[in-house]
């Protein structure tokens, strides 16, 4: 059962409206929420997938303490374009 083998991992996703880009909001929220998850849940790993075209989201995750673990080549199709997905992770300290 997948619930049993993946129960120590959470997957994060985030979306922020364009008028709010570049203000540090996403970085602050991701960092705070990540800390909250480790403090309140029995998890050991957080992960987030980012399309290869979204450099800003990658930077948000890096500033929030995540590191790039892998690049899954040709994983997603968006607007008719085949994109890689970068997998970022943060492990329990």
PDB file of N, CA and C in Angstrom:
ATOM      1  N   UNK A   1       0.838  -1.187   0.000  1.00  0.00           N
ATOM      2  CA  UNK A   1       0.000   0.000   0.000  1.00  0.00           C
ATOM      3  C   UNK A   1       0.874   1.240   0.000  1.00  0.00           C
ATOM      4  N   UNK A   2       0.600   2.144  -0.897  1.00  0.00           N
ATOM      5  CA  UNK A   2       1.419   3.347  -1.024  1.00  0.00           C
ATOM      6  C   UNK A   2       1.398   4.215   0.221  1.00  0.00           C
ATOM      7  N   UNK A   3       0.289   4.245   0.920  1.00  0.00           N
ATOM      8  CA  UNK A   3       0.225   5.070   2.136  1.00  0.00           C
ATOM      9  C   UNK A   3       1.278   4.631   3.133  1.00  0.00           C
ATOM     10  N   UNK A   4       1.576   3.354   3.168  1.00  0.00           N
ATOM     11  CA  UNK A   4       2.540   2.846   4.131  1.00  0.00           C
ATOM     12  C   UNK A   4       3.976   3.218   3.771  1.00  0.00           C
ATOM     13  N   UNK A   5       4.334   3.097   2.506  1.00  0.00           N
ATOM     14  CA  UNK A   5       5.738   3.305   2.150  1.00  0.00           C
ATOM     15  C   UNK A   5       6.092   4.771   1.952  1.00  0.00           C
ATOM     16  N   UNK A   6       5.131   5.624   1.681  1.00  0.00           N
ATOM     17  CA  UNK A   6       5.412   7.041   1.469  1.00  0.00           C
ATOM     18  C   UNK A   6       4.931   7.932   2.614  1.00  0.00           C
ATOM     19  N   UNK A   7       4.556   7.367   3.732  1.00  0.00           N
ATOM     20  CA  UNK A   7       3.935   8.177   4.781  1.00  0.00           C
ATOM     21  C   UNK A   7       4.900   9.133   5.482  1.00  0.00           C
ATOM     22  N   UNK A   8       6.197   9.017   5.267  1.00  0.00           N
ATOM     23  CA  UNK A   8       7.168   9.928   5.872  1.00  0.00           C
ATOM     24  C   UNK A   8       7.535  11.082   4.935  1.00  0.00           C
ATOM     25  N   UNK A   9       6.845  11.179   3.797  1.00  0.00           N
ATOM     26  CA  UNK A   9       7.142  12.200   2.793  1.00  0.00           C
ATOM     27  C   UNK A   9       5.896  13.020   2.492  1.00  0.00           C
ATOM     28  N   UNK A  10       6.075  14.329   2.358  1.00  0.00           N
ATOM     29  CA  UNK A  10       4.994  15.190   1.886  1.00  0.00           C
ATOM     30  C   UNK A  10       5.452  15.892   0.613  1.00  0.00           C
ATOM     31  N   UNK A  11       4.515  16.138  -0.268  1.00  0.00           N
ATOM     32  CA  UNK A  11       4.800  16.873  -1.500  1.00  0.00           C
ATOM     33  C   UNK A  11       4.197  18.268  -1.381  1.00  0.00           C
ATOM     34  N   UNK A  12       5.010  19.271  -1.655  1.00  0.00           N
ATOM     35  CA  UNK A  12       4.562  20.658  -1.576  1.00  0.00           C
ATOM     36  C   UNK A  12       4.268  21.198  -2.964  1.00  0.00           C
ATOM     37  N   UNK A  13       3.289  22.062  -3.025  1.00  0.00           N
ATOM     38  CA  UNK A  13       3.022  22.813  -4.239  1.00  0.00           C
ATOM     39  C   UNK A  13       2.622  24.217  -3.832  1.00  0.00           C
ATOM     40  N   UNK A  14       2.877  25.159  -4.696  1.00  0.00           N
ATOM     41  CA  UNK A  14       2.639  26.561  -4.351  1.00  0.00           C
ATOM     42  C   UNK A  14       2.297  27.320  -5.624  1.00  0.00           C
ATOM     43  N   UNK A  15       1.403  28.275  -5.519  1.00  0.00           N
ATOM     44  CA  UNK A  15       1.081  29.155  -6.632  1.00  0.00           C
ATOM     45  C   UNK A  15       0.876  30.549  -6.066  1.00  0.00           C
ATOM     46  N   UNK A  16       1.436  31.541  -6.740  1.00  0.00           N
ATOM     47  CA  UNK A  16       1.316  32.925  -6.301  1.00  0.00           C
ATOM     48  C   UNK A  16       0.963  33.778  -7.511  1.00  0.00           C
ATOM     49  N   UNK A  17      -0.034  34.623  -7.374  1.00  0.00           N
ATOM     50  CA  UNK A  17      -0.462  35.483  -8.473  1.00  0.00           C
ATOM     51  C   UNK A  17       0.640  36.426  -8.916  1.00  0.00           C
ATOM     52  N   UNK A  18       0.704  36.664 -10.201  1.00  0.00           N
ATOM     53  CA  UNK A  18       1.776  37.477 -10.792  1.00  0.00           C
ATOM     54  C   UNK A  18       1.945  38.859 -10.164  1.00  0.00           C
ATOM     55  N   UNK A  19       0.879  39.543  -9.737  1.00  0.00           N
ATOM     56  CA  UNK A  19       1.088  40.859  -9.118  1.00  0.00           C
ATOM     57  C   UNK A  19       1.947  40.805  -7.847  1.00  0.00           C
ATOM     58  N   UNK A  20       2.110  39.611  -7.272  1.00  0.00           N
ATOM     59  CA  UNK A  20       2.847  39.481  -6.017  1.00  0.00           C
ATOM     60  C   UNK A  20       4.251  38.898  -6.202  1.00  0.00           C
ATOM     61  N   UNK A  21       4.633  38.625  -7.435  1.00  0.00           N
ATOM     62  CA  UNK A  21       5.967  38.072  -7.704  1.00  0.00           C
ATOM     63  C   UNK A  21       7.047  39.065  -7.309  1.00  0.00           C
ATOM     64  N   UNK A  22       8.202  38.538  -6.915  1.00  0.00           N
ATOM     65  CA  UNK A  22       9.382  39.367  -6.644  1.00  0.00           C
ATOM     66  C   UNK A  22       9.347  40.130  -5.339  1.00  0.00           C
ATOM     67  N   UNK A  23       8.418  39.797  -4.454  1.00  0.00           N
ATOM     68  CA  UNK A  23       8.311  40.503  -3.174  1.00  0.00           C
ATOM     69  C   UNK A  23       8.781  39.655  -1.990  1.00  0.00           C
ATOM     70  N   UNK A  24       9.250  38.436  -2.265  1.00  0.00           N
ATOM     71  CA  UNK A  24       9.715  37.565  -1.197  1.00  0.00           C
ATOM     72  C   UNK A  24       8.607  36.810  -0.481  1.00  0.00           C
ATOM     73  N   UNK A  25       7.384  36.968  -0.937  1.00  0.00           N
ATOM     74  CA  UNK A  25       6.239  36.340  -0.267  1.00  0.00           C
ATOM     75  C   UNK A  25       6.341  34.820  -0.342  1.00  0.00           C
ATOM     76  N   UNK A  26       6.575  34.287  -1.532  1.00  0.00           N
ATOM     77  CA  UNK A  26       6.634  32.831  -1.697  1.00  0.00           C
ATOM     78  C   UNK A  26       7.750  32.222  -0.858  1.00  0.00           C
ATOM     79  N   UNK A  27       8.904  32.855  -0.858  1.00  0.00           N
ATOM     80  CA  UNK A  27      10.023  32.337  -0.068  1.00  0.00           C
ATOM     81  C   UNK A  27       9.674  32.297   1.418  1.00  0.00           C
ATOM     82  N   UNK A  28       9.085  33.370   1.914  1.00  0.00           N
ATOM     83  CA  UNK A  28       8.711  33.437   3.327  1.00  0.00           C
ATOM     84  C   UNK A  28       7.671  32.371   3.680  1.00  0.00           C
ATOM     85  N   UNK A  29       6.674  32.210   2.834  1.00  0.00           N
ATOM     86  CA  UNK A  29       5.606  31.237   3.102  1.00  0.00           C
ATOM     87  C   UNK A  29       6.152  29.809   3.035  1.00  0.00           C
ATOM     88  N   UNK A  30       6.922  29.489   1.999  1.00  0.00           N
ATOM     89  CA  UNK A  30       7.463  28.130   1.860  1.00  0.00           C
ATOM     90  C   UNK A  30       8.369  27.798   3.040  1.00  0.00           C
ATOM     91  N   UNK A  31       9.233  28.716   3.428  1.00  0.00           N
ATOM     92  CA  UNK A  31      10.136  28.466   4.564  1.00  0.00           C
ATOM     93  C   UNK A  31       9.349  28.246   5.858  1.00  0.00           C
ATOM     94  N   UNK A  32       8.365  29.093   6.109  1.00  0.00           N
ATOM     95  CA  UNK A  32       7.568  28.970   7.336  1.00  0.00           C
ATOM     96  C   UNK A  32       6.735  27.690   7.333  1.00  0.00           C
ATOM     97  N   UNK A  33       6.118  27.377   6.205  1.00  0.00           N
ATOM     98  CA  UNK A  33       5.291  26.175   6.124  1.00  0.00           C
ATOM     99  C   UNK A  33       6.144  24.923   6.250  1.00  0.00           C
ATOM    100  N   UNK A  34       7.330  24.938   5.668  1.00  0.00           N
ATOM    101  CA  UNK A  34       8.237  23.800   5.767  1.00  0.00           C
ATOM    102  C   UNK A  34       8.625  23.545   7.230  1.00  0.00           C
ATOM    103  N   UNK A  35       8.942  24.603   7.938  1.00  0.00           N
ATOM    104  CA  UNK A  35       9.266  24.474   9.365  1.00  0.00           C
ATOM    105  C   UNK A  35       8.067  23.928  10.135  1.00  0.00           C
ATOM    106  N   UNK A  36       6.897  24.474   9.854  1.00  0.00           N
ATOM    107  CA  UNK A  36       5.673  24.014  10.508  1.00  0.00           C
ATOM    108  C   UNK A  36       5.466  22.516  10.281  1.00  0.00           C
ATOM    109  N   UNK A  37       5.644  22.052   9.058  1.00  0.00           N
ATOM    110  CA  UNK A  37       5.434  20.635   8.758  1.00  0.00           C
ATOM    111  C   UNK A  37       6.360  19.746   9.577  1.00  0.00           C
ATOM    112  N   UNK A  38       7.635  20.105   9.650  1.00  0.00           N
ATOM    113  CA  UNK A  38       8.567  19.295  10.436  1.00  0.00           C
ATOM    114  C   UNK A  38       8.243  19.364  11.931  1.00  0.00           C
ATOM    115  N   UNK A  39       7.783  20.513  12.392  1.00  0.00           N
ATOM    116  CA  UNK A  39       7.473  20.669  13.817  1.00  0.00           C
ATOM    117  C   UNK A  39       6.193  19.946  14.239  1.00  0.00           C
ATOM    118  N   UNK A  40       5.245  19.758  13.314  1.00  0.00           N
ATOM    119  CA  UNK A  40       3.931  19.248  13.690  1.00  0.00           C
ATOM    120  C   UNK A  40       3.544  17.902  13.094  1.00  0.00           C
ATOM    121  N   UNK A  41       4.330  17.404  12.164  1.00  0.00           N
ATOM    122  CA  UNK A  41       4.017  16.115  11.558  1.00  0.00           C
ATOM    123  C   UNK A  41       5.193  15.161  11.702  1.00  0.00           C
ATOM    124  N   UNK A  42       4.890  13.898  11.753  1.00  0.00           N
ATOM    125  CA  UNK A  42       5.936  12.869  11.830  1.00  0.00           C
ATOM    126  C   UNK A  42       6.385  12.528  10.406  1.00  0.00           C
ATOM    127  N   UNK A  43       7.115  13.470   9.811  1.00  0.00           N
ATOM    128  CA  UNK A  43       7.640  13.273   8.462  1.00  0.00           C
ATOM    129  C   UNK A  43       9.147  13.471   8.483  1.00  0.00           C
ATOM    130  N   UNK A  44       9.805  12.950   7.480  1.00  0.00           N
ATOM    131  CA  UNK A  44      11.257  13.086   7.396  1.00  0.00           C
ATOM    132  C   UNK A  44      11.716  13.705   6.090  1.00  0.00           C
ATOM    133  N   UNK A  45      10.774  13.895   5.152  1.00  0.00           N
ATOM    134  CA  UNK A  45      11.146  14.399   3.836  1.00  0.00           C
ATOM    135  C   UNK A  45      10.017  15.256   3.261  1.00  0.00           C
ATOM    136  N   UNK A  46      10.411  16.397   2.690  1.00  0.00           N
ATOM    137  CA  UNK A  46       9.494  17.235   1.937  1.00  0.00           C
ATOM    138  C   UNK A  46      10.051  17.342   0.520  1.00  0.00           C
ATOM    139  N   UNK A  47       9.169  17.327  -0.461  1.00  0.00           N
ATOM    140  CA  UNK A  47       9.654  17.423  -1.833  1.00  0.00           C
ATOM    141  C   UNK A  47       8.720  18.282  -2.666  1.00  0.00           C
ATOM    142  N   UNK A  48       9.282  18.859  -3.730  1.00  0.00           N
ATOM    143  CA  UNK A  48       8.513  19.705  -4.639  1.00  0.00           C
ATOM    144  C   UNK A  48       9.070  19.541  -6.043  1.00  0.00           C
ATOM    145  N   UNK A  49       8.186  19.332  -6.997  1.00  0.00           N
ATOM    146  CA  UNK A  49       8.578  19.255  -8.395  1.00  0.00           C
ATOM    147  C   UNK A  49       8.373  20.595  -9.071  1.00  0.00           C
ATOM    148  N   UNK A  50       9.352  21.007  -9.892  1.00  0.00           N
ATOM    149  CA  UNK A  50       9.301  22.307 -10.560  1.00  0.00           C
ATOM    150  C   UNK A  50       9.591  22.119 -12.043  1.00  0.00           C
ATOM    151  N   UNK A  51       8.771  22.712 -12.894  1.00  0.00           N
ATOM    152  CA  UNK A  51       9.030  22.658 -14.336  1.00  0.00           C
ATOM    153  C   UNK A  51      10.358  23.341 -14.646  1.00  0.00           C
ATOM    154  N   UNK A  52      11.058  22.839 -15.643  1.00  0.00           N
ATOM    155  CA  UNK A  52      12.378  23.361 -15.992  1.00  0.00           C
ATOM    156  C   UNK A  52      12.363  24.837 -16.389  1.00  0.00           C
ATOM    157  N   UNK A  53      11.226  25.349 -16.792  1.00  0.00           N
ATOM    158  CA  UNK A  53      11.121  26.750 -17.198  1.00  0.00           C
ATOM    159  C   UNK A  53      10.893  27.707 -16.032  1.00  0.00           C
ATOM    160  N   UNK A  54      10.679  27.184 -14.829  1.00  0.00           N
ATOM    161  CA  UNK A  54      10.317  28.027 -13.685  1.00  0.00           C
ATOM    162  C   UNK A  54      11.511  28.245 -12.752  1.00  0.00           C
ATOM    163  N   UNK A  55      12.447  29.044 -13.214  1.00  0.00           N
ATOM    164  CA  UNK A  55      13.669  29.315 -12.429  1.00  0.00           C
ATOM    165  C   UNK A  55      13.356  30.035 -11.119  1.00  0.00           C
ATOM    166  N   UNK A  56      12.348  30.895 -11.119  1.00  0.00           N
ATOM    167  CA  UNK A  56      11.996  31.627  -9.896  1.00  0.00           C
ATOM    168  C   UNK A  56      11.545  30.675  -8.792  1.00  0.00           C
ATOM    169  N   UNK A  57      10.742  29.670  -9.144  1.00  0.00           N
ATOM    170  CA  UNK A  57      10.285  28.700  -8.143  1.00  0.00           C
ATOM    171  C   UNK A  57      11.463  27.884  -7.602  1.00  0.00           C
ATOM    172  N   UNK A  58      12.405  27.565  -8.468  1.00  0.00           N
ATOM    173  CA  UNK A  58      13.596  26.840  -8.007  1.00  0.00           C
ATOM    174  C   UNK A  58      14.359  27.671  -6.985  1.00  0.00           C
ATOM    175  N   UNK A  59      14.480  28.959  -7.254  1.00  0.00           N
ATOM    176  CA  UNK A  59      15.199  29.852  -6.333  1.00  0.00           C
ATOM    177  C   UNK A  59      14.449  29.973  -5.004  1.00  0.00           C
ATOM    178  N   UNK A  60      13.131  30.050  -5.058  1.00  0.00           N
ATOM    179  CA  UNK A  60      12.327  30.097  -3.823  1.00  0.00           C
ATOM    180  C   UNK A  60      12.635  28.883  -2.960  1.00  0.00           C
ATOM    181  N   UNK A  61      12.619  27.707  -3.556  1.00  0.00           N
ATOM    182  CA  UNK A  61      12.875  26.481  -2.798  1.00  0.00           C
ATOM    183  C   UNK A  61      14.288  26.453  -2.237  1.00  0.00           C
ATOM    184  N   UNK A  62      15.258  26.875  -3.021  1.00  0.00           N
ATOM    185  CA  UNK A  62      16.645  26.904  -2.533  1.00  0.00           C
ATOM    186  C   UNK A  62      16.775  27.851  -1.340  1.00  0.00           C
ATOM    187  N   UNK A  63      16.161  29.036  -1.430  1.00  0.00           N
ATOM    188  CA  UNK A  63      16.234  29.993  -0.318  1.00  0.00           C
ATOM    189  C   UNK A  63      15.497  29.473   0.914  1.00  0.00           C
ATOM    190  N   UNK A  64      14.539  28.564   0.716  1.00  0.00           N
ATOM    191  CA  UNK A  64      13.793  27.987   1.846  1.00  0.00           C
ATOM    192  C   UNK A  64      14.462  26.723   2.380  1.00  0.00           C
ATOM    193  N   UNK A  65      15.663  26.410   1.898  1.00  0.00           N
ATOM    194  CA  UNK A  65      16.420  25.292   2.454  1.00  0.00           C
ATOM    195  C   UNK A  65      16.309  23.981   1.707  1.00  0.00           C
ATOM    196  N   UNK A  66      15.676  23.968   0.552  1.00  0.00           N
ATOM    197  CA  UNK A  66      15.579  22.759  -0.259  1.00  0.00           C
ATOM    198  C   UNK A  66      16.803  22.653  -1.162  1.00  0.00           C
ATOM    199  N   UNK A  67      17.098  21.444  -1.604  1.00  0.00           N
ATOM    200  CA  UNK A  67      18.177  21.257  -2.583  1.00  0.00           C
ATOM    201  C   UNK A  67      17.671  20.393  -3.735  1.00  0.00           C
ATOM    202  N   UNK A  68      18.283  20.599  -4.883  1.00  0.00           N
ATOM    203  CA  UNK A  68      17.872  19.820  -6.052  1.00  0.00           C
ATOM    204  C   UNK A  68      18.424  18.410  -5.919  1.00  0.00           C
ATOM    205  N   UNK A  69      17.526  17.428  -5.982  1.00  0.00           N
ATOM    206  CA  UNK A  69      17.915  16.032  -5.857  1.00  0.00           C
ATOM    207  C   UNK A  69      18.006  15.344  -7.215  1.00  0.00           C
ATOM    208  N   UNK A  70      17.141  15.749  -8.145  1.00  0.00           N
ATOM    209  CA  UNK A  70      17.103  15.043  -9.431  1.00  0.00           C
ATOM    210  C   UNK A  70      16.450  15.915 -10.485  1.00  0.00           C
ATOM    211  N   UNK A  71      16.707  15.546 -11.730  1.00  0.00           N
ATOM    212  CA  UNK A  71      16.003  16.127 -12.860  1.00  0.00           C
ATOM    213  C   UNK A  71      15.373  14.960 -13.615  1.00  0.00           C
ATOM    214  N   UNK A  72      14.053  14.977 -13.686  1.00  0.00           N
ATOM    215  CA  UNK A  72      13.317  13.945 -14.415  1.00  0.00           C
ATOM    216  C   UNK A  72      13.082  14.462 -15.829  1.00  0.00           C
ATOM    217  N   UNK A  73      13.797  13.902 -16.757  1.00  0.00           N
ATOM    218  CA  UNK A  73      13.765  14.400 -18.126  1.00  0.00           C
ATOM    219  C   UNK A  73      12.452  14.054 -18.834  1.00  0.00           C
ATOM    220  N   UNK A  74      11.941  15.044 -19.550  1.00  0.00           N
ATOM    221  CA  UNK A  74      10.738  14.882 -20.372  1.00  0.00           C
ATOM    222  C   UNK A  74       9.560  14.329 -19.573  1.00  0.00           C
ATOM    223  N   UNK A  75       9.378  14.833 -18.377  1.00  0.00           N
ATOM    224  CA  UNK A  75       8.347  14.285 -17.493  1.00  0.00           C
ATOM    225  C   UNK A  75       6.972  14.910 -17.694  1.00  0.00           C
ATOM    226  N   UNK A  76       6.915  16.188 -18.040  1.00  0.00           N
ATOM    227  CA  UNK A  76       5.620  16.861 -18.106  1.00  0.00           C
ATOM    228  C   UNK A  76       5.397  17.497 -19.475  1.00  0.00           C
ATOM    229  N   UNK A  77       4.134  17.602 -19.848  1.00  0.00           N
ATOM    230  CA  UNK A  77       3.741  18.285 -21.073  1.00  0.00           C
ATOM    231  C   UNK A  77       2.934  19.507 -20.656  1.00  0.00           C
ATOM    232  N   UNK A  78       3.411  20.703 -21.024  1.00  0.00           N
ATOM    233  CA  UNK A  78       2.697  21.926 -20.682  1.00  0.00           C
ATOM    234  C   UNK A  78       2.602  22.793 -21.927  1.00  0.00           C
ATOM    235  N   UNK A  79       1.389  23.161 -22.266  1.00  0.00           N
ATOM    236  CA  UNK A  79       1.128  24.011 -23.432  1.00  0.00           C
ATOM    237  C   UNK A  79       1.808  23.466 -24.684  1.00  0.00           C
ATOM    238  N   UNK A  80       1.776  22.156 -24.835  1.00  0.00           N
ATOM    239  CA  UNK A  80       2.332  21.532 -26.020  1.00  0.00           C
ATOM    240  C   UNK A  80       3.836  21.366 -26.013  1.00  0.00           C
ATOM    241  N   UNK A  81       4.483  21.676 -24.891  1.00  0.00           N
ATOM    242  CA  UNK A  81       5.936  21.559 -24.778  1.00  0.00           C
ATOM    243  C   UNK A  81       6.302  20.493 -23.764  1.00  0.00           C
ATOM    244  N   UNK A  82       7.219  19.635 -24.131  1.00  0.00           N
ATOM    245  CA  UNK A  82       7.718  18.602 -23.234  1.00  0.00           C
ATOM    246  C   UNK A  82       8.807  19.217 -22.359  1.00  0.00           C
ATOM    247  N   UNK A  83       8.634  19.147 -21.049  1.00  0.00           N
ATOM    248  CA  UNK A  83       9.548  19.790 -20.106  1.00  0.00           C
ATOM    249  C   UNK A  83      10.134  18.788 -19.125  1.00  0.00           C
ATOM    250  N   UNK A  84      11.312  19.114 -18.627  1.00  0.00           N
ATOM    251  CA  UNK A  84      11.897  18.371 -17.521  1.00  0.00           C
ATOM    252  C   UNK A  84      11.256  18.856 -16.225  1.00  0.00           C
ATOM    253  N   UNK A  85      11.268  17.995 -15.218  1.00  0.00           N
ATOM    254  CA  UNK A  85      10.825  18.381 -13.877  1.00  0.00           C
ATOM    255  C   UNK A  85      12.010  18.249 -12.932  1.00  0.00           C
ATOM    256  N   UNK A  86      12.305  19.335 -12.226  1.00  0.00           N
ATOM    257  CA  UNK A  86      13.391  19.338 -11.241  1.00  0.00           C
ATOM    258  C   UNK A  86      12.779  19.001  -9.884  1.00  0.00           C
ATOM    259  N   UNK A  87      13.353  18.022  -9.202  1.00  0.00           N
ATOM    260  CA  UNK A  87      12.843  17.597  -7.904  1.00  0.00           C
ATOM    261  C   UNK A  87      13.711  18.186  -6.802  1.00  0.00           C
ATOM    262  N   UNK A  88      13.085  18.998  -5.960  1.00  0.00           N
ATOM    263  CA  UNK A  88      13.764  19.617  -4.820  1.00  0.00           C
ATOM    264  C   UNK A  88      13.299  18.931  -3.543  1.00  0.00           C
ATOM    265  N   UNK A  89      14.217  18.732  -2.608  1.00  0.00           N
ATOM    266  CA  UNK A  89      13.878  18.060  -1.361  1.00  0.00           C
ATOM    267  C   UNK A  89      14.472  18.807  -0.166  1.00  0.00           C
ATOM    268  N   UNK A  90      13.835  18.590   0.968  1.00  0.00           N
ATOM    269  CA  UNK A  90      14.332  19.083   2.253  1.00  0.00           C
ATOM    270  C   UNK A  90      14.117  17.961   3.243  1.00  0.00           C
ATOM    271  N   UNK A  91      15.191  17.571   3.912  1.00  0.00           N
ATOM    272  CA  UNK A  91      15.126  16.474   4.879  1.00  0.00           C
ATOM    273  C   UNK A  91      15.061  17.031   6.289  1.00  0.00           C
ATOM    274  N   UNK A  92      14.455  16.257   7.169  1.00  0.00           N
ATOM    275  CA  UNK A  92      14.378  16.670   8.573  1.00  0.00           C
ATOM    276  C   UNK A  92      15.786  16.934   9.091  1.00  0.00           C
ATOM    277  N   UNK A  93      15.965  18.070   9.744  1.00  0.00           N
ATOM    278  CA  UNK A  93      17.318  18.394  10.278  1.00  0.00           C
ATOM    279  C   UNK A  93      17.757  17.435  11.355  1.00  0.00           C
TER     280      UNK A  93
END
